[in-house]
């Protein structure tokens, strides 16, 4: 089975953040799953329509967890200080 990197989902939060989740091949040679989902949070410049500084990187193992992670990050950026269960 040939695996391929792909973007799963990309969201823009409050026109200030870009949250991108992609399926990637690991560059680590030892003690790492060969394929994983990675979510990157960027500053977003709404005027230039481009990402700025990288704010954080979060990894998750499989598809459902990747989506939960992605939406959880979006929610925490949109509603800072709120409990994730609110």
N, C-alpha and C. Protein backbone atom coordinates (compact mmCIF):
# COMPACT_ATOMS: atom_id res chain seq x y z
N UNK A 1 0.83 -1.19 0.00
CA UNK A 1 0.00 0.00 0.00
C UNK A 1 0.88 1.25 0.00
N UNK A 2 0.66 2.10 -0.97
CA UNK A 2 1.41 3.34 -1.05
C UNK A 2 0.64 4.42 -0.30
N UNK A 3 1.33 5.06 0.64
CA UNK A 3 0.70 6.15 1.38
C UNK A 3 1.13 7.47 0.76
N UNK A 4 0.31 8.48 0.99
CA UNK A 4 0.56 9.77 0.37
C UNK A 4 0.21 10.87 1.37
N UNK A 5 1.04 11.89 1.46
CA UNK A 5 0.75 13.03 2.32
C UNK A 5 -0.42 13.81 1.74
N UNK A 6 -1.29 14.34 2.63
CA UNK A 6 -2.40 15.17 2.17
C UNK A 6 -2.87 16.09 3.29
N UNK A 7 -3.50 17.19 2.91
CA UNK A 7 -4.11 18.11 3.86
C UNK A 7 -5.50 17.60 4.18
N UNK A 8 -5.78 17.42 5.47
CA UNK A 8 -7.08 16.93 5.90
C UNK A 8 -8.09 18.08 6.00
N UNK A 9 -7.69 19.16 6.69
CA UNK A 9 -8.59 20.28 6.91
C UNK A 9 -7.78 21.53 7.25
N UNK A 10 -8.30 22.67 6.85
CA UNK A 10 -7.69 23.96 7.17
C UNK A 10 -8.80 24.92 7.58
N UNK A 11 -8.61 25.60 8.70
CA UNK A 11 -9.63 26.52 9.22
C UNK A 11 -9.01 27.87 9.54
N UNK A 12 -9.82 28.90 9.40
CA UNK A 12 -9.40 30.25 9.77
C UNK A 12 -10.27 30.69 10.93
N UNK A 13 -9.63 31.11 12.02
CA UNK A 13 -10.34 31.43 13.25
C UNK A 13 -10.20 32.92 13.53
N UNK A 14 -11.35 33.59 13.61
CA UNK A 14 -11.43 35.02 13.93
C UNK A 14 -10.55 35.90 13.04
N UNK A 15 -10.25 35.41 11.85
CA UNK A 15 -9.40 36.13 10.91
C UNK A 15 -8.03 36.47 11.50
N UNK A 16 -7.64 35.71 12.56
CA UNK A 16 -6.36 35.93 13.23
C UNK A 16 -5.46 34.70 13.20
N UNK A 17 -6.06 33.52 13.00
CA UNK A 17 -5.31 32.28 13.08
C UNK A 17 -5.66 31.36 11.90
N UNK A 18 -4.67 30.62 11.46
CA UNK A 18 -4.87 29.56 10.47
C UNK A 18 -4.50 28.25 11.16
N UNK A 19 -5.41 27.30 11.17
CA UNK A 19 -5.18 25.99 11.78
C UNK A 19 -5.24 24.96 10.65
N UNK A 20 -4.13 24.26 10.46
CA UNK A 20 -4.01 23.32 9.35
C UNK A 20 -3.63 21.94 9.85
N UNK A 21 -4.40 20.92 9.44
CA UNK A 21 -4.12 19.54 9.84
C UNK A 21 -3.83 18.72 8.59
N UNK A 22 -2.69 18.04 8.61
CA UNK A 22 -2.25 17.26 7.45
C UNK A 22 -1.75 15.89 7.88
N UNK A 23 -1.83 14.95 6.96
CA UNK A 23 -1.29 13.61 7.15
C UNK A 23 0.12 13.63 6.59
N UNK A 24 1.10 13.23 7.40
CA UNK A 24 2.49 13.35 7.02
C UNK A 24 3.27 12.07 7.29
N UNK A 25 4.36 11.95 6.57
CA UNK A 25 5.31 10.88 6.85
C UNK A 25 6.34 11.42 7.84
N UNK A 26 6.63 10.65 8.86
CA UNK A 26 7.57 11.06 9.88
C UNK A 26 8.98 11.12 9.32
N UNK A 27 9.74 12.11 9.76
CA UNK A 27 11.15 12.19 9.36
C UNK A 27 12.04 11.47 10.38
N UNK A 28 11.45 11.07 11.52
CA UNK A 28 12.22 10.35 12.55
C UNK A 28 12.45 8.91 12.09
N UNK A 29 13.63 8.41 12.35
CA UNK A 29 13.97 7.05 11.92
C UNK A 29 13.67 6.00 12.97
N UNK A 30 13.60 6.40 14.24
CA UNK A 30 13.46 5.43 15.32
C UNK A 30 12.32 5.84 16.25
N UNK A 31 11.61 4.83 16.79
CA UNK A 31 10.59 5.04 17.82
C UNK A 31 9.53 6.07 17.44
N UNK A 32 9.10 6.04 16.24
CA UNK A 32 8.07 6.98 15.80
C UNK A 32 7.17 6.27 14.80
N UNK A 33 5.85 6.55 14.85
CA UNK A 33 5.02 5.95 13.81
C UNK A 33 5.41 6.55 12.45
N UNK A 34 5.42 5.74 11.41
CA UNK A 34 5.88 6.24 10.11
C UNK A 34 4.95 7.28 9.49
N UNK A 35 3.65 7.23 9.83
CA UNK A 35 2.68 8.19 9.31
C UNK A 35 1.84 8.72 10.47
N UNK A 36 1.51 9.99 10.43
CA UNK A 36 0.76 10.60 11.53
C UNK A 36 0.06 11.87 11.05
N UNK A 37 -0.88 12.36 11.84
CA UNK A 37 -1.52 13.65 11.57
C UNK A 37 -0.84 14.73 12.39
N UNK A 38 -0.64 15.87 11.76
CA UNK A 38 0.02 17.01 12.40
C UNK A 38 -0.85 18.24 12.22
N UNK A 39 -1.10 18.97 13.30
CA UNK A 39 -1.86 20.21 13.24
C UNK A 39 -0.92 21.36 13.58
N UNK A 40 -0.88 22.35 12.69
CA UNK A 40 -0.03 23.52 12.89
C UNK A 40 -0.93 24.74 13.03
N UNK A 41 -0.62 25.56 14.02
CA UNK A 41 -1.35 26.80 14.25
C UNK A 41 -0.44 27.95 13.84
N UNK A 42 -0.94 28.78 12.94
CA UNK A 42 -0.20 29.94 12.43
C UNK A 42 -0.94 31.23 12.76
N UNK A 43 -0.20 32.32 12.88
CA UNK A 43 -0.84 33.63 12.86
C UNK A 43 -1.33 33.82 11.43
N UNK A 44 -2.44 34.54 11.26
CA UNK A 44 -3.00 34.77 9.93
C UNK A 44 -3.11 36.26 9.67
N UNK A 45 -2.58 36.72 8.55
CA UNK A 45 -2.70 38.12 8.13
C UNK A 45 -3.85 38.21 7.14
N UNK A 46 -4.98 38.69 7.62
CA UNK A 46 -6.19 38.75 6.79
C UNK A 46 -6.01 39.68 5.60
N UNK A 47 -5.25 40.77 5.76
CA UNK A 47 -5.05 41.72 4.66
C UNK A 47 -4.20 41.13 3.53
N UNK A 48 -3.14 40.44 3.90
CA UNK A 48 -2.24 39.85 2.90
C UNK A 48 -2.69 38.45 2.47
N UNK A 49 -3.63 37.87 3.24
CA UNK A 49 -4.11 36.50 2.97
C UNK A 49 -2.95 35.50 2.99
N UNK A 50 -2.11 35.60 4.05
CA UNK A 50 -0.99 34.68 4.19
C UNK A 50 -0.70 34.41 5.66
N UNK A 51 -0.08 33.26 5.88
CA UNK A 51 0.27 32.90 7.25
C UNK A 51 1.53 33.64 7.67
N UNK A 52 1.60 33.84 8.98
CA UNK A 52 2.77 34.49 9.55
C UNK A 52 3.54 33.51 10.40
N UNK A 53 3.79 33.89 11.62
CA UNK A 53 4.59 33.10 12.55
C UNK A 53 3.87 31.81 12.95
N UNK A 54 4.62 30.72 13.02
CA UNK A 54 4.07 29.46 13.52
C UNK A 54 3.95 29.57 15.03
N UNK A 55 2.75 29.26 15.56
CA UNK A 55 2.50 29.37 16.99
C UNK A 55 2.66 28.06 17.74
N UNK A 56 2.28 26.95 17.10
CA UNK A 56 2.35 25.66 17.78
C UNK A 56 2.20 24.52 16.78
N UNK A 57 2.68 23.35 17.18
CA UNK A 57 2.52 22.13 16.39
C UNK A 57 2.02 21.04 17.34
N UNK A 58 0.96 20.35 16.92
CA UNK A 58 0.38 19.28 17.72
C UNK A 58 0.26 18.05 16.83
N UNK A 59 0.65 16.89 17.34
CA UNK A 59 0.50 15.66 16.57
C UNK A 59 -0.60 14.78 17.16
N UNK A 60 -1.23 14.02 16.30
CA UNK A 60 -2.22 13.03 16.74
C UNK A 60 -2.11 11.84 15.80
N UNK A 61 -2.45 10.68 16.30
CA UNK A 61 -2.17 9.45 15.57
C UNK A 61 -3.09 9.11 14.44
N UNK A 62 -4.41 9.21 14.63
CA UNK A 62 -5.31 8.71 13.60
C UNK A 62 -6.40 9.73 13.29
N UNK A 63 -7.18 9.46 12.25
CA UNK A 63 -8.12 10.41 11.68
C UNK A 63 -9.10 11.03 12.67
N UNK A 64 -9.83 10.23 13.44
CA UNK A 64 -10.83 10.80 14.35
C UNK A 64 -10.18 11.69 15.39
N UNK A 65 -9.07 11.25 15.93
CA UNK A 65 -8.37 12.07 16.91
C UNK A 65 -7.83 13.35 16.26
N UNK A 66 -7.40 13.25 15.02
CA UNK A 66 -6.89 14.43 14.31
C UNK A 66 -7.98 15.48 14.16
N UNK A 67 -9.19 15.06 13.81
CA UNK A 67 -10.30 16.01 13.68
C UNK A 67 -10.70 16.58 15.03
N UNK A 68 -10.74 15.73 16.06
CA UNK A 68 -11.04 16.22 17.40
C UNK A 68 -10.01 17.25 17.85
N UNK A 69 -8.74 16.95 17.59
CA UNK A 69 -7.67 17.88 17.95
C UNK A 69 -7.83 19.19 17.19
N UNK A 70 -8.06 19.11 15.89
CA UNK A 70 -8.21 20.30 15.05
C UNK A 70 -9.35 21.20 15.56
N UNK A 71 -10.52 20.61 15.75
CA UNK A 71 -11.67 21.41 16.18
C UNK A 71 -11.51 21.91 17.61
N UNK A 72 -10.84 21.14 18.47
CA UNK A 72 -10.57 21.59 19.82
C UNK A 72 -9.67 22.81 19.84
N UNK A 73 -8.65 22.81 18.98
CA UNK A 73 -7.76 23.97 18.88
C UNK A 73 -8.53 25.18 18.36
N UNK A 74 -9.34 24.98 17.33
CA UNK A 74 -10.14 26.09 16.79
C UNK A 74 -11.05 26.68 17.87
N UNK A 75 -11.69 25.81 18.63
CA UNK A 75 -12.59 26.27 19.70
C UNK A 75 -11.82 27.04 20.76
N UNK A 76 -10.64 26.55 21.14
CA UNK A 76 -9.87 27.24 22.18
C UNK A 76 -9.36 28.60 21.69
N UNK A 77 -9.10 28.73 20.41
CA UNK A 77 -8.69 30.04 19.86
C UNK A 77 -9.87 30.99 19.77
N UNK A 78 -11.04 30.47 19.42
CA UNK A 78 -12.24 31.30 19.29
C UNK A 78 -12.80 31.73 20.64
N UNK A 79 -12.67 30.84 21.63
CA UNK A 79 -13.22 31.09 22.96
C UNK A 79 -12.16 30.86 24.03
N UNK A 80 -11.14 31.73 24.09
CA UNK A 80 -10.07 31.52 25.08
C UNK A 80 -10.60 31.56 26.52
N UNK A 81 -10.07 30.68 27.33
CA UNK A 81 -10.49 30.64 28.72
C UNK A 81 -11.71 29.78 29.00
N UNK A 82 -12.36 29.27 27.97
CA UNK A 82 -13.54 28.41 28.14
C UNK A 82 -13.08 26.97 28.29
N UNK A 83 -13.83 26.21 29.08
CA UNK A 83 -13.57 24.78 29.22
C UNK A 83 -13.93 24.08 27.91
N UNK A 84 -13.14 23.07 27.52
CA UNK A 84 -13.38 22.39 26.25
C UNK A 84 -14.74 21.69 26.19
N UNK A 85 -15.36 21.45 27.35
CA UNK A 85 -16.66 20.80 27.37
C UNK A 85 -17.82 21.79 27.36
N UNK A 86 -17.55 23.08 27.39
CA UNK A 86 -18.62 24.10 27.37
C UNK A 86 -19.32 24.13 26.03
